[in-house]
């Protein structure tokens, strides 16, 4: 895809203290999540809730 985005990693990594519960996501899923934020103008928190992902601590 040629576009490098920092947002998906931040969006999908979760909290450091919850490492035992951390899920892993494919690069494609991370890019799709980032594009949901970028293309829709919604916040990371809104998109994270929609995807069932904790946006931060």
N, C-alpha and C. Protein backbone atom coordinates (compact mmCIF):
# COMPACT_ATOMS: atom_id res chain seq x y z
N UNK A 1 0.82 -1.19 0.00
CA UNK A 1 0.00 0.00 0.00
C UNK A 1 0.86 1.25 0.00
N UNK A 2 2.06 1.27 0.46
CA UNK A 2 2.95 2.41 0.33
C UNK A 2 2.73 3.54 1.31
N UNK A 3 1.68 3.50 2.10
CA UNK A 3 1.44 4.55 3.09
C UNK A 3 1.80 3.99 4.46
N UNK A 4 2.66 4.71 5.15
CA UNK A 4 3.06 4.26 6.48
C UNK A 4 2.34 5.11 7.52
N UNK A 5 1.63 4.46 8.41
CA UNK A 5 0.83 5.17 9.41
C UNK A 5 1.27 4.77 10.81
N UNK A 6 1.45 5.74 11.67
CA UNK A 6 1.79 5.46 13.06
C UNK A 6 0.54 5.19 13.88
N UNK A 7 -0.58 5.74 13.47
CA UNK A 7 -1.82 5.65 14.23
C UNK A 7 -2.31 4.26 14.56
N UNK A 8 -2.29 3.31 13.63
CA UNK A 8 -2.85 2.00 13.93
C UNK A 8 -2.15 1.31 15.10
N UNK A 9 -0.85 1.47 15.18
CA UNK A 9 -0.12 0.82 16.27
C UNK A 9 -0.55 1.40 17.60
N UNK A 10 -0.66 2.71 17.66
CA UNK A 10 -1.11 3.36 18.89
C UNK A 10 -2.53 2.95 19.21
N UNK A 11 -3.36 2.90 18.21
CA UNK A 11 -4.77 2.57 18.41
C UNK A 11 -4.96 1.15 18.92
N UNK A 12 -4.15 0.22 18.47
CA UNK A 12 -4.42 -1.18 18.73
C UNK A 12 -3.52 -1.86 19.75
N UNK A 13 -2.57 -1.16 20.31
CA UNK A 13 -1.65 -1.82 21.23
C UNK A 13 -2.24 -2.03 22.61
N UNK A 14 -3.11 -1.18 23.06
CA UNK A 14 -3.69 -1.34 24.38
C UNK A 14 -2.77 -0.82 25.47
N UNK A 15 -3.07 -1.17 26.71
CA UNK A 15 -2.33 -0.67 27.87
C UNK A 15 -1.16 -1.58 28.19
N UNK A 16 -0.08 -0.98 28.66
CA UNK A 16 1.11 -1.75 29.01
C UNK A 16 0.83 -2.71 30.16
N UNK A 17 0.05 -2.27 31.16
CA UNK A 17 -0.20 -3.13 32.30
C UNK A 17 -1.13 -4.29 31.98
N UNK A 18 -1.80 -4.25 30.87
CA UNK A 18 -2.73 -5.32 30.48
C UNK A 18 -2.10 -6.27 29.47
N UNK A 19 -0.78 -6.41 29.52
CA UNK A 19 -0.08 -7.20 28.51
C UNK A 19 -0.54 -8.64 28.46
N UNK A 20 -1.01 -9.19 29.57
CA UNK A 20 -1.48 -10.57 29.55
C UNK A 20 -2.77 -10.71 28.75
N UNK A 21 -3.48 -9.61 28.54
CA UNK A 21 -4.73 -9.64 27.79
C UNK A 21 -4.57 -9.04 26.40
N UNK A 22 -3.37 -8.66 26.01
CA UNK A 22 -3.14 -7.99 24.74
C UNK A 22 -3.42 -8.92 23.57
N UNK A 23 -4.17 -8.40 22.62
CA UNK A 23 -4.45 -9.14 21.39
C UNK A 23 -3.50 -8.66 20.32
N UNK A 24 -3.25 -9.51 19.35
CA UNK A 24 -2.41 -9.08 18.22
C UNK A 24 -3.31 -8.88 17.00
N UNK A 25 -2.91 -7.97 16.14
CA UNK A 25 -3.69 -7.62 14.96
C UNK A 25 -2.79 -7.62 13.74
N UNK A 26 -3.35 -8.00 12.61
CA UNK A 26 -2.57 -8.01 11.37
C UNK A 26 -2.32 -6.57 10.92
N UNK A 27 -1.31 -6.42 10.09
CA UNK A 27 -1.00 -5.10 9.54
C UNK A 27 -2.19 -4.55 8.76
N UNK A 28 -2.88 -5.42 8.05
CA UNK A 28 -4.05 -4.98 7.26
C UNK A 28 -5.15 -4.45 8.17
N UNK A 29 -5.38 -5.11 9.29
CA UNK A 29 -6.40 -4.67 10.24
C UNK A 29 -6.04 -3.32 10.83
N UNK A 30 -4.77 -3.14 11.16
CA UNK A 30 -4.30 -1.87 11.71
C UNK A 30 -4.49 -0.73 10.72
N UNK A 31 -4.16 -0.99 9.46
CA UNK A 31 -4.33 0.05 8.43
C UNK A 31 -5.80 0.38 8.26
N UNK A 32 -6.65 -0.64 8.24
CA UNK A 32 -8.09 -0.40 8.11
C UNK A 32 -8.62 0.43 9.28
N UNK A 33 -8.17 0.12 10.48
CA UNK A 33 -8.61 0.89 11.65
C UNK A 33 -8.16 2.34 11.54
N UNK A 34 -6.93 2.55 11.10
CA UNK A 34 -6.42 3.92 10.95
C UNK A 34 -7.22 4.67 9.89
N UNK A 35 -7.55 4.00 8.80
CA UNK A 35 -8.32 4.66 7.75
C UNK A 35 -9.74 5.00 8.21
N UNK A 36 -10.29 4.21 9.09
CA UNK A 36 -11.61 4.55 9.64
C UNK A 36 -11.54 5.89 10.36
N UNK A 37 -10.47 6.13 11.08
CA UNK A 37 -10.29 7.40 11.78
C UNK A 37 -10.05 8.52 10.78
N UNK A 38 -9.10 8.32 9.90
CA UNK A 38 -8.69 9.35 8.95
C UNK A 38 -9.83 9.73 8.00
N UNK A 39 -10.47 8.72 7.42
CA UNK A 39 -11.49 8.98 6.40
C UNK A 39 -12.80 9.50 6.97
N UNK A 40 -13.12 9.13 8.21
CA UNK A 40 -14.42 9.51 8.76
C UNK A 40 -14.37 10.81 9.56
N UNK A 41 -13.17 11.21 10.00
CA UNK A 41 -13.06 12.40 10.83
C UNK A 41 -13.45 12.15 12.27
N UNK A 42 -13.73 10.88 12.61
CA UNK A 42 -14.06 10.54 13.99
C UNK A 42 -12.79 10.43 14.82
N UNK A 43 -12.94 10.42 16.13
CA UNK A 43 -11.77 10.30 17.00
C UNK A 43 -11.32 8.84 17.09
N UNK A 44 -10.08 8.66 17.55
CA UNK A 44 -9.56 7.31 17.77
C UNK A 44 -10.45 6.58 18.77
N UNK A 45 -10.87 7.27 19.82
CA UNK A 45 -11.72 6.65 20.84
C UNK A 45 -13.04 6.15 20.26
N UNK A 46 -13.65 6.94 19.39
CA UNK A 46 -14.92 6.54 18.77
C UNK A 46 -14.74 5.28 17.93
N UNK A 47 -13.71 5.26 17.11
CA UNK A 47 -13.46 4.12 16.25
C UNK A 47 -13.07 2.90 17.09
N UNK A 48 -12.27 3.10 18.11
CA UNK A 48 -11.87 2.00 18.98
C UNK A 48 -13.10 1.36 19.63
N UNK A 49 -14.02 2.18 20.13
CA UNK A 49 -15.25 1.64 20.72
C UNK A 49 -16.03 0.84 19.69
N UNK A 50 -16.12 1.38 18.47
CA UNK A 50 -16.85 0.69 17.40
C UNK A 50 -16.23 -0.69 17.11
N UNK A 51 -14.90 -0.77 17.19
CA UNK A 51 -14.19 -2.01 16.90
C UNK A 51 -14.05 -2.90 18.13
N UNK A 52 -14.47 -2.41 19.29
CA UNK A 52 -14.34 -3.19 20.51
C UNK A 52 -12.93 -3.24 21.04
N UNK A 53 -12.18 -2.16 20.79
CA UNK A 53 -10.78 -2.07 21.20
C UNK A 53 -10.65 -0.96 22.23
N UNK A 54 -9.84 -1.19 23.26
CA UNK A 54 -9.58 -0.15 24.25
C UNK A 54 -8.59 0.84 23.66
N UNK A 55 -8.98 2.12 23.59
CA UNK A 55 -8.15 3.13 22.94
C UNK A 55 -6.99 3.58 23.81
N UNK A 56 -7.09 3.49 25.08
CA UNK A 56 -6.01 3.94 25.97
C UNK A 56 -6.36 3.71 27.41
N UNK A 57 -5.45 4.11 28.28
CA UNK A 57 -5.65 3.89 29.72
C UNK A 57 -6.03 5.18 30.41
